[in-house]
Amino acid sequence: MPAASAVPGDYRACDELGAIAQPFSPLVGELLALYCHTRPIGALSQSEDCRDEYQLTARQIVHHLVEGWQNQTDGRGTIDDLLIQPRQRWG
């Protein structure tokens, strides 16, 4: 998967994902695409004010992630499973 530019300049959103072994499944591919697309959100949120839209859309994204995790864990997975570990830097 080619690295996508997240913000102007030389910054590459997906560079730190180089440690993921390939080939990967379509499911992991979708998660990687989501990861790459969400990298600039922190920077964008500093210059825009759209709280209601942000919250509504973010909730839907989280819902999809939790639904997928529940499918992966035969219904036993929770959002806490996805949030407990400290954020890791790959690469």
PDB file of N, CA and C in Angstrom:
ATOM      1  N   MET A   1       0.856  -1.168   0.000  1.00  0.00           N
ATOM      2  CA  MET A   1       0.000   0.000   0.000  1.00  0.00           C
ATOM      3  C   MET A   1       0.900   1.227   0.000  1.00  0.00           C
ATOM      4  N   PRO A   2       0.722   2.128  -0.942  1.00  0.00           N
ATOM      5  CA  PRO A   2       1.553   3.324  -0.956  1.00  0.00           C
ATOM      6  C   PRO A   2       1.178   4.243   0.191  1.00  0.00           C
ATOM      7  N   ALA A   3       2.170   4.957   0.694  1.00  0.00           N
ATOM      8  CA  ALA A   3       1.920   5.903   1.772  1.00  0.00           C
ATOM      9  C   ALA A   3       1.163   7.100   1.224  1.00  0.00           C
ATOM     10  N   ALA A   4       0.146   7.517   1.949  1.00  0.00           N
ATOM     11  CA  ALA A   4      -0.665   8.662   1.532  1.00  0.00           C
ATOM     12  C   ALA A   4      -0.224   9.895   2.301  1.00  0.00           C
ATOM     13  N   SER A   5      -0.196  11.010   1.616  1.00  0.00           N
ATOM     14  CA  SER A   5       0.183  12.246   2.272  1.00  0.00           C
ATOM     15  C   SER A   5      -0.947  12.698   3.179  1.00  0.00           C
ATOM     16  N   ALA A   6      -0.643  12.935   4.460  1.00  0.00           N
ATOM     17  CA  ALA A   6      -1.661  13.309   5.427  1.00  0.00           C
ATOM     18  C   ALA A   6      -1.800  14.811   5.564  1.00  0.00           C
ATOM     19  N   VAL A   7      -0.709  15.510   5.546  1.00  0.00           N
ATOM     20  CA  VAL A   7      -0.715  16.960   5.671  1.00  0.00           C
ATOM     21  C   VAL A   7       0.326  17.504   4.721  1.00  0.00           C
ATOM     22  N   PRO A   8       0.240  18.782   4.389  1.00  0.00           N
ATOM     23  CA  PRO A   8       1.244  19.336   3.483  1.00  0.00           C
ATOM     24  C   PRO A   8       2.653  19.123   4.016  1.00  0.00           C
ATOM     25  N   GLY A   9       3.583  18.966   3.109  1.00  0.00           N
ATOM     26  CA  GLY A   9       4.975  18.749   3.496  1.00  0.00           C
ATOM     27  C   GLY A   9       5.408  17.327   3.248  1.00  0.00           C
ATOM     28  N   ASP A  10       6.467  16.928   3.906  1.00  0.00           N
ATOM     29  CA  ASP A  10       7.040  15.599   3.684  1.00  0.00           C
ATOM     30  C   ASP A  10       6.465  14.527   4.591  1.00  0.00           C
ATOM     31  N   TYR A  11       5.541  14.864   5.467  1.00  0.00           N
ATOM     32  CA  TYR A  11       4.977  13.910   6.405  1.00  0.00           C
ATOM     33  C   TYR A  11       4.185  12.832   5.658  1.00  0.00           C
ATOM     34  N   ARG A  12       4.410  11.599   5.990  1.00  0.00           N
ATOM     35  CA  ARG A  12       3.680  10.476   5.388  1.00  0.00           C
ATOM     36  C   ARG A  12       2.881   9.751   6.455  1.00  0.00           C
ATOM     37  N   ALA A  13       1.577   9.614   6.232  1.00  0.00           N
ATOM     38  CA  ALA A  13       0.681   9.059   7.240  1.00  0.00           C
ATOM     39  C   ALA A  13       0.959   7.608   7.563  1.00  0.00           C
ATOM     40  N   CYS A  14       1.335   6.833   6.591  1.00  0.00           N
ATOM     41  CA  CYS A  14       1.421   5.391   6.807  1.00  0.00           C
ATOM     42  C   CYS A  14       2.838   4.885   7.005  1.00  0.00           C
ATOM     43  N   ASP A  15       3.810   5.740   7.078  1.00  0.00           N
ATOM     44  CA  ASP A  15       5.192   5.286   7.202  1.00  0.00           C
ATOM     45  C   ASP A  15       5.406   4.372   8.398  1.00  0.00           C
ATOM     46  N   GLU A  16       4.798   4.677   9.532  1.00  0.00           N
ATOM     47  CA  GLU A  16       5.053   3.874  10.712  1.00  0.00           C
ATOM     48  C   GLU A  16       4.347   2.519  10.663  1.00  0.00           C
ATOM     49  N   LEU A  17       3.591   2.239   9.627  1.00  0.00           N
ATOM     50  CA  LEU A  17       2.937   0.943   9.496  1.00  0.00           C
ATOM     51  C   LEU A  17       3.779  -0.052   8.712  1.00  0.00           C
ATOM     52  N   GLY A  18       4.982   0.342   8.348  1.00  0.00           N
ATOM     53  CA  GLY A  18       5.845  -0.539   7.579  1.00  0.00           C
ATOM     54  C   GLY A  18       6.177  -1.843   8.277  1.00  0.00           C
ATOM     55  N   ALA A  19       5.990  -1.912   9.592  1.00  0.00           N
ATOM     56  CA  ALA A  19       6.315  -3.127  10.344  1.00  0.00           C
ATOM     57  C   ALA A  19       5.278  -4.225  10.168  1.00  0.00           C
ATOM     58  N   ILE A  20       4.124  -3.908   9.610  1.00  0.00           N
ATOM     59  CA  ILE A  20       3.090  -4.925   9.422  1.00  0.00           C
ATOM     60  C   ILE A  20       3.502  -5.830   8.270  1.00  0.00           C
ATOM     61  N   ALA A  21       3.500  -7.125   8.557  1.00  0.00           N
ATOM     62  CA  ALA A  21       3.897  -8.106   7.549  1.00  0.00           C
ATOM     63  C   ALA A  21       2.848  -8.171   6.446  1.00  0.00           C
ATOM     64  N   GLN A  22       3.291  -8.306   5.234  1.00  0.00           N
ATOM     65  CA  GLN A  22       2.378  -8.460   4.120  1.00  0.00           C
ATOM     66  C   GLN A  22       2.493  -9.876   3.597  1.00  0.00           C
ATOM     67  N   PRO A  23       1.570 -10.474   2.971  1.00  0.00           N
ATOM     68  CA  PRO A  23       0.277  -9.887   2.641  1.00  0.00           C
ATOM     69  C   PRO A  23      -0.649  -9.890   3.849  1.00  0.00           C
ATOM     70  N   PHE A  24      -1.583  -8.973   3.846  1.00  0.00           N
ATOM     71  CA  PHE A  24      -2.574  -8.925   4.908  1.00  0.00           C
ATOM     72  C   PHE A  24      -3.953  -9.052   4.299  1.00  0.00           C
ATOM     73  N   SER A  25      -4.915  -9.330   5.137  1.00  0.00           N
ATOM     74  CA  SER A  25      -6.278  -9.596   4.680  1.00  0.00           C
ATOM     75  C   SER A  25      -6.997  -8.310   4.271  1.00  0.00           C
ATOM     76  N   PRO A  26      -8.116  -8.449   3.562  1.00  0.00           N
ATOM     77  CA  PRO A  26      -8.925  -7.266   3.242  1.00  0.00           C
ATOM     78  C   PRO A  26      -9.367  -6.516   4.499  1.00  0.00           C
ATOM     79  N   LEU A  27      -9.652  -7.240   5.574  1.00  0.00           N
ATOM     80  CA  LEU A  27     -10.056  -6.598   6.822  1.00  0.00           C
ATOM     81  C   LEU A  27      -8.924  -5.721   7.365  1.00  0.00           C
ATOM     82  N   VAL A  28      -7.720  -6.262   7.435  1.00  0.00           N
ATOM     83  CA  VAL A  28      -6.581  -5.481   7.916  1.00  0.00           C
ATOM     84  C   VAL A  28      -6.287  -4.338   6.947  1.00  0.00           C
ATOM     85  N   GLY A  29      -6.472  -4.564   5.664  1.00  0.00           N
ATOM     86  CA  GLY A  29      -6.294  -3.496   4.680  1.00  0.00           C
ATOM     87  C   GLY A  29      -7.230  -2.328   4.935  1.00  0.00           C
ATOM     88  N   GLU A  30      -8.485  -2.621   5.258  1.00  0.00           N
ATOM     89  CA  GLU A  30      -9.445  -1.559   5.577  1.00  0.00           C
ATOM     90  C   GLU A  30      -9.053  -0.818   6.849  1.00  0.00           C
ATOM     91  N   LEU A  31      -8.601  -1.562   7.855  1.00  0.00           N
ATOM     92  CA  LEU A  31      -8.158  -0.918   9.091  1.00  0.00           C
ATOM     93  C   LEU A  31      -6.952  -0.016   8.843  1.00  0.00           C
ATOM     94  N   LEU A  32      -6.032  -0.464   8.004  1.00  0.00           N
ATOM     95  CA  LEU A  32      -4.871   0.353   7.673  1.00  0.00           C
ATOM     96  C   LEU A  32      -5.282   1.619   6.921  1.00  0.00           C
ATOM     97  N   ALA A  33      -6.248   1.491   6.019  1.00  0.00           N
ATOM     98  CA  ALA A  33      -6.732   2.668   5.294  1.00  0.00           C
ATOM     99  C   ALA A  33      -7.384   3.657   6.256  1.00  0.00           C
ATOM    100  N   LEU A  34      -8.174   3.142   7.196  1.00  0.00           N
ATOM    101  CA  LEU A  34      -8.789   4.010   8.199  1.00  0.00           C
ATOM    102  C   LEU A  34      -7.715   4.706   9.022  1.00  0.00           C
ATOM    103  N   TYR A  35      -6.718   3.956   9.434  1.00  0.00           N
ATOM    104  CA  TYR A  35      -5.609   4.526  10.205  1.00  0.00           C
ATOM    105  C   TYR A  35      -4.922   5.658   9.432  1.00  0.00           C
ATOM    106  N   CYS A  36      -4.621   5.410   8.190  1.00  0.00           N
ATOM    107  CA  CYS A  36      -3.932   6.421   7.378  1.00  0.00           C
ATOM    108  C   CYS A  36      -4.799   7.659   7.168  1.00  0.00           C
ATOM    109  N   HIS A  37      -6.093   7.455   6.974  1.00  0.00           N
ATOM    110  CA  HIS A  37      -6.988   8.587   6.742  1.00  0.00           C
ATOM    111  C   HIS A  37      -7.241   9.400   8.007  1.00  0.00           C
ATOM    112  N   THR A  38      -7.115   8.778   9.166  1.00  0.00           N
ATOM    113  CA  THR A  38      -7.423   9.508  10.400  1.00  0.00           C
ATOM    114  C   THR A  38      -6.215  10.209  11.005  1.00  0.00           C
ATOM    115  N   ARG A  39      -5.037   9.982  10.496  1.00  0.00           N
ATOM    116  CA  ARG A  39      -3.836  10.609  11.052  1.00  0.00           C
ATOM    117  C   ARG A  39      -3.914  12.132  11.114  1.00  0.00           C
ATOM    118  N   PRO A  40      -4.442  12.844  10.124  1.00  0.00           N
ATOM    119  CA  PRO A  40      -4.444  14.314  10.191  1.00  0.00           C
ATOM    120  C   PRO A  40      -5.573  14.913  11.037  1.00  0.00           C
ATOM    121  N   ILE A  41      -6.407  14.103  11.646  1.00  0.00           N
ATOM    122  CA  ILE A  41      -7.566  14.631  12.363  1.00  0.00           C
ATOM    123  C   ILE A  41      -7.157  15.553  13.509  1.00  0.00           C
ATOM    124  N   GLY A  42      -6.132  15.198  14.255  1.00  0.00           N
ATOM    125  CA  GLY A  42      -5.694  16.046  15.355  1.00  0.00           C
ATOM    126  C   GLY A  42      -5.306  17.433  14.881  1.00  0.00           C
ATOM    127  N   ALA A  43      -4.550  17.510  13.794  1.00  0.00           N
ATOM    128  CA  ALA A  43      -4.125  18.806  13.263  1.00  0.00           C
ATOM    129  C   ALA A  43      -5.305  19.579  12.692  1.00  0.00           C
ATOM    130  N   LEU A  44      -6.177  18.899  11.961  1.00  0.00           N
ATOM    131  CA  LEU A  44      -7.341  19.574  11.369  1.00  0.00           C
ATOM    132  C   LEU A  44      -8.283  20.114  12.438  1.00  0.00           C
ATOM    133  N   SER A  45      -8.392  19.392  13.544  1.00  0.00           N
ATOM    134  CA  SER A  45      -9.322  19.815  14.585  1.00  0.00           C
ATOM    135  C   SER A  45      -8.879  21.096  15.285  1.00  0.00           C
ATOM    136  N   GLN A  46      -7.634  21.476  15.108  1.00  0.00           N
ATOM    137  CA  GLN A  46      -7.141  22.719  15.703  1.00  0.00           C
ATOM    138  C   GLN A  46      -7.591  23.948  14.913  1.00  0.00           C
ATOM    139  N   SER A  47      -7.944  23.755  13.670  1.00  0.00           N
ATOM    140  CA  SER A  47      -8.299  24.905  12.831  1.00  0.00           C
ATOM    141  C   SER A  47      -9.769  24.922  12.406  1.00  0.00           C
ATOM    142  N   GLU A  48     -10.538  23.945  12.814  1.00  0.00           N
ATOM    143  CA  GLU A  48     -11.947  23.888  12.446  1.00  0.00           C
ATOM    144  C   GLU A  48     -12.803  23.679  13.695  1.00  0.00           C
ATOM    145  N   ASP A  49     -14.041  24.149  13.640  1.00  0.00           N
ATOM    146  CA  ASP A  49     -14.970  23.966  14.747  1.00  0.00           C
ATOM    147  C   ASP A  49     -16.266  23.382  14.205  1.00  0.00           C
ATOM    148  N   CYS A  50     -16.416  22.084  14.354  1.00  0.00           N
ATOM    149  CA  CYS A  50     -17.624  21.393  13.894  1.00  0.00           C
ATOM    150  C   CYS A  50     -17.921  20.249  14.872  1.00  0.00           C
ATOM    151  N   ARG A  51     -18.113  20.605  16.115  1.00  0.00           N
ATOM    152  CA  ARG A  51     -18.229  19.637  17.206  1.00  0.00           C
ATOM    153  C   ARG A  51     -19.346  18.626  17.016  1.00  0.00           C
ATOM    154  N   ASP A  52     -20.532  19.090  16.661  1.00  0.00           N
ATOM    155  CA  ASP A  52     -21.667  18.174  16.535  1.00  0.00           C
ATOM    156  C   ASP A  52     -21.430  17.147  15.438  1.00  0.00           C
ATOM    157  N   GLU A  53     -20.961  17.610  14.290  1.00  0.00           N
ATOM    158  CA  GLU A  53     -20.685  16.716  13.169  1.00  0.00           C
ATOM    159  C   GLU A  53     -19.546  15.750  13.513  1.00  0.00           C
ATOM    160  N   TYR A  54     -18.542  16.276  14.189  1.00  0.00           N
ATOM    161  CA  TYR A  54     -17.406  15.443  14.597  1.00  0.00           C
ATOM    162  C   TYR A  54     -17.888  14.316  15.507  1.00  0.00           C
ATOM    163  N   GLN A  55     -18.657  14.677  16.536  1.00  0.00           N
ATOM    164  CA  GLN A  55     -19.119  13.679  17.493  1.00  0.00           C
ATOM    165  C   GLN A  55     -19.998  12.624  16.825  1.00  0.00           C
ATOM    166  N   LEU A  56     -20.921  13.048  15.985  1.00  0.00           N
ATOM    167  CA  LEU A  56     -21.816  12.109  15.307  1.00  0.00           C
ATOM    168  C   LEU A  56     -21.032  11.140  14.431  1.00  0.00           C
ATOM    169  N   THR A  57     -20.131  11.669  13.634  1.00  0.00           N
ATOM    170  CA  THR A  57     -19.359  10.826  12.726  1.00  0.00           C
ATOM    171  C   THR A  57     -18.400   9.922  13.488  1.00  0.00           C
ATOM    172  N   ALA A  58     -17.740  10.459  14.508  1.00  0.00           N
ATOM    173  CA  ALA A  58     -16.806   9.655  15.303  1.00  0.00           C
ATOM    174  C   ALA A  58     -17.526   8.500  15.993  1.00  0.00           C
ATOM    175  N   ARG A  59     -18.718   8.765  16.487  1.00  0.00           N
ATOM    176  CA  ARG A  59     -19.482   7.688  17.129  1.00  0.00           C
ATOM    177  C   ARG A  59     -19.799   6.569  16.142  1.00  0.00           C
ATOM    178  N   GLN A  60     -20.125   6.932  14.915  1.00  0.00           N
ATOM    179  CA  GLN A  60     -20.427   5.908  13.910  1.00  0.00           C
ATOM    180  C   GLN A  60     -19.181   5.072  13.570  1.00  0.00           C
ATOM    181  N   ILE A  61     -18.050   5.743  13.483  1.00  0.00           N
ATOM    182  CA  ILE A  61     -16.800   5.031  13.199  1.00  0.00           C
ATOM    183  C   ILE A  61     -16.477   4.072  14.341  1.00  0.00           C
ATOM    184  N   VAL A  62     -16.605   4.553  15.579  1.00  0.00           N
ATOM    185  CA  VAL A  62     -16.338   3.700  16.744  1.00  0.00           C
ATOM    186  C   VAL A  62     -17.308   2.524  16.760  1.00  0.00           C
ATOM    187  N   HIS A  63     -18.568   2.787  16.423  1.00  0.00           N
ATOM    188  CA  HIS A  63     -19.555   1.701  16.366  1.00  0.00           C
ATOM    189  C   HIS A  63     -19.104   0.609  15.386  1.00  0.00           C
ATOM    190  N   HIS A  64     -18.639   1.009  14.211  1.00  0.00           N
ATOM    191  CA  HIS A  64     -18.172   0.034  13.224  1.00  0.00           C
ATOM    192  C   HIS A  64     -16.978  -0.754  13.746  1.00  0.00           C
ATOM    193  N   LEU A  65     -16.053  -0.077  14.401  1.00  0.00           N
ATOM    194  CA  LEU A  65     -14.871  -0.756  14.946  1.00  0.00           C
ATOM    195  C   LEU A  65     -15.253  -1.761  16.027  1.00  0.00           C
ATOM    196  N   VAL A  66     -16.152  -1.372  16.916  1.00  0.00           N
ATOM    197  CA  VAL A  66     -16.576  -2.286  17.984  1.00  0.00           C
ATOM    198  C   VAL A  66     -17.352  -3.463  17.403  1.00  0.00           C
ATOM    199  N   GLU A  67     -18.200  -3.202  16.428  1.00  0.00           N
ATOM    200  CA  GLU A  67     -18.941  -4.291  15.782  1.00  0.00           C
ATOM    201  C   GLU A  67     -17.976  -5.301  15.148  1.00  0.00           C
ATOM    202  N   GLY A  68     -16.972  -4.790  14.458  1.00  0.00           N
ATOM    203  CA  GLY A  68     -15.981  -5.684  13.869  1.00  0.00           C
ATOM    204  C   GLY A  68     -15.221  -6.476  14.922  1.00  0.00           C
ATOM    205  N   TRP A  69     -14.857  -5.814  16.014  1.00  0.00           N
ATOM    206  CA  TRP A  69     -14.129  -6.496  17.088  1.00  0.00           C
ATOM    207  C   TRP A  69     -15.005  -7.574  17.728  1.00  0.00           C
ATOM    208  N   GLN A  70     -16.297  -7.286  17.907  1.00  0.00           N
ATOM    209  CA  GLN A  70     -17.201  -8.293  18.454  1.00  0.00           C
ATOM    210  C   GLN A  70     -17.302  -9.494  17.517  1.00  0.00           C
ATOM    211  N   ASN A  71     -17.313  -9.254  16.215  1.00  0.00           N
ATOM    212  CA  ASN A  71     -17.330 -10.360  15.260  1.00  0.00           C
ATOM    213  C   ASN A  71     -16.041 -11.176  15.346  1.00  0.00           C
ATOM    214  N   GLN A  72     -14.911 -10.508  15.580  1.00  0.00           N
ATOM    215  CA  GLN A  72     -13.632 -11.200  15.683  1.00  0.00           C
ATOM    216  C   GLN A  72     -13.523 -12.030  16.960  1.00  0.00           C
ATOM    217  N   THR A  73     -14.276 -11.660  17.987  1.00  0.00           N
ATOM    218  CA  THR A  73     -14.159 -12.318  19.295  1.00  0.00           C
ATOM    219  C   THR A  73     -15.412 -13.099  19.673  1.00  0.00           C
ATOM    220  N   ASP A  74     -16.188 -13.509  18.691  1.00  0.00           N
ATOM    221  CA  ASP A  74     -17.428 -14.268  18.937  1.00  0.00           C
ATOM    222  C   ASP A  74     -18.338 -13.562  19.935  1.00  0.00           C
ATOM    223  N   GLY A  75     -18.423 -12.233  19.827  1.00  0.00           N
ATOM    224  CA  GLY A  75     -19.322 -11.459  20.655  1.00  0.00           C
ATOM    225  C   GLY A  75     -18.800 -11.115  22.037  1.00  0.00           C
ATOM    226  N   ARG A  76     -17.591 -11.547  22.373  1.00  0.00           N
ATOM    227  CA  ARG A  76     -17.055 -11.303  23.710  1.00  0.00           C
ATOM    228  C   ARG A  76     -16.239 -10.019  23.811  1.00  0.00           C
ATOM    229  N   GLY A  77     -15.857  -9.457  22.701  1.00  0.00           N
ATOM    230  CA  GLY A  77     -15.012  -8.269  22.727  1.00  0.00           C
ATOM    231  C   GLY A  77     -15.782  -7.011  23.100  1.00  0.00           C
ATOM    232  N   THR A  78     -15.082  -6.097  23.756  1.00  0.00           N
ATOM    233  CA  THR A  78     -15.684  -4.829  24.141  1.00  0.00           C
ATOM    234  C   THR A  78     -14.784  -3.684  23.670  1.00  0.00           C
ATOM    235  N   ILE A  79     -15.304  -2.486  23.757  1.00  0.00           N
ATOM    236  CA  ILE A  79     -14.514  -1.320  23.386  1.00  0.00           C
ATOM    237  C   ILE A  79     -13.284  -1.197  24.283  1.00  0.00           C
ATOM    238  N   ASP A  80     -13.385  -1.647  25.521  1.00  0.00           N
ATOM    239  CA  ASP A  80     -12.234  -1.598  26.428  1.00  0.00           C
ATOM    240  C   ASP A  80     -11.052  -2.398  25.886  1.00  0.00           C
ATOM    241  N   ASP A  81     -11.324  -3.488  25.186  1.00  0.00           N
ATOM    242  CA  ASP A  81     -10.247  -4.287  24.586  1.00  0.00           C
ATOM    243  C   ASP A  81      -9.454  -3.468  23.572  1.00  0.00           C
ATOM    244  N   LEU A  82     -10.105  -2.527  22.951  1.00  0.00           N
ATOM    245  CA  LEU A  82      -9.469  -1.710  21.927  1.00  0.00           C
ATOM    246  C   LEU A  82      -8.778  -0.484  22.504  1.00  0.00           C
ATOM    247  N   LEU A  83      -9.094  -0.123  23.734  1.00  0.00           N
ATOM    248  CA  LEU A  83      -8.587   1.123  24.307  1.00  0.00           C
ATOM    249  C   LEU A  83      -7.592   0.942  25.446  1.00  0.00           C
ATOM    250  N   ILE A  84      -7.534  -0.211  26.066  1.00  0.00           N
ATOM    251  CA  ILE A  84      -6.740  -0.406  27.281  1.00  0.00           C
ATOM    252  C   ILE A  84      -5.248  -0.176  27.064  1.00  0.00           C
ATOM    253  N   GLN A  85      -4.667  -0.732  26.021  1.00  0.00           N
ATOM    254  CA  GLN A  85      -3.231  -0.628  25.784  1.00  0.00           C
ATOM    255  C   GLN A  85      -2.840   0.787  25.428  1.00  0.00           C
ATOM    256  N   PRO A  86      -1.691   1.226  25.923  1.00  0.00           N
ATOM    257  CA  PRO A  86      -1.212   2.549  25.493  1.00  0.00           C
ATOM    258  C   PRO A  86      -0.943   2.549  23.996  1.00  0.00           C
ATOM    259  N   ARG A  87      -1.075   3.704  23.394  1.00  0.00           N
ATOM    260  CA  ARG A  87      -0.835   3.823  21.966  1.00  0.00           C
ATOM    261  C   ARG A  87       0.587   3.415  21.632  1.00  0.00           C
ATOM    262  N   GLN A  88       0.724   2.585  20.607  1.00  0.00           N
ATOM    263  CA  GLN A  88       2.042   2.124  20.178  1.00  0.00           C
ATOM    264  C   GLN A  88       2.455   2.833  18.910  1.00  0.00           C
ATOM    265  N   ARG A  89       3.719   3.106  18.810  1.00  0.00           N
ATOM    266  CA  ARG A  89       4.288   3.639  17.565  1.00  0.00           C
ATOM    267  C   ARG A  89       4.886   2.476  16.807  1.00  0.00           C
ATOM    268  N   TRP A  90       4.427   2.280  15.592  1.00  0.00           N
ATOM    269  CA  TRP A  90       4.955   1.194  14.753  1.00  0.00           C
ATOM    270  C   TRP A  90       6.090   1.736  13.922  1.00  0.00           C
ATOM    271  N   GLY A  91       7.081   0.884  13.722  1.00  0.00           N
ATOM    272  CA  GLY A  91       8.142   1.248  12.799  1.00  0.00           C
ATOM    273  C   GLY A  91       9.384   1.783  13.405  1.00  0.00           C
TER     274      GLY A  91
END
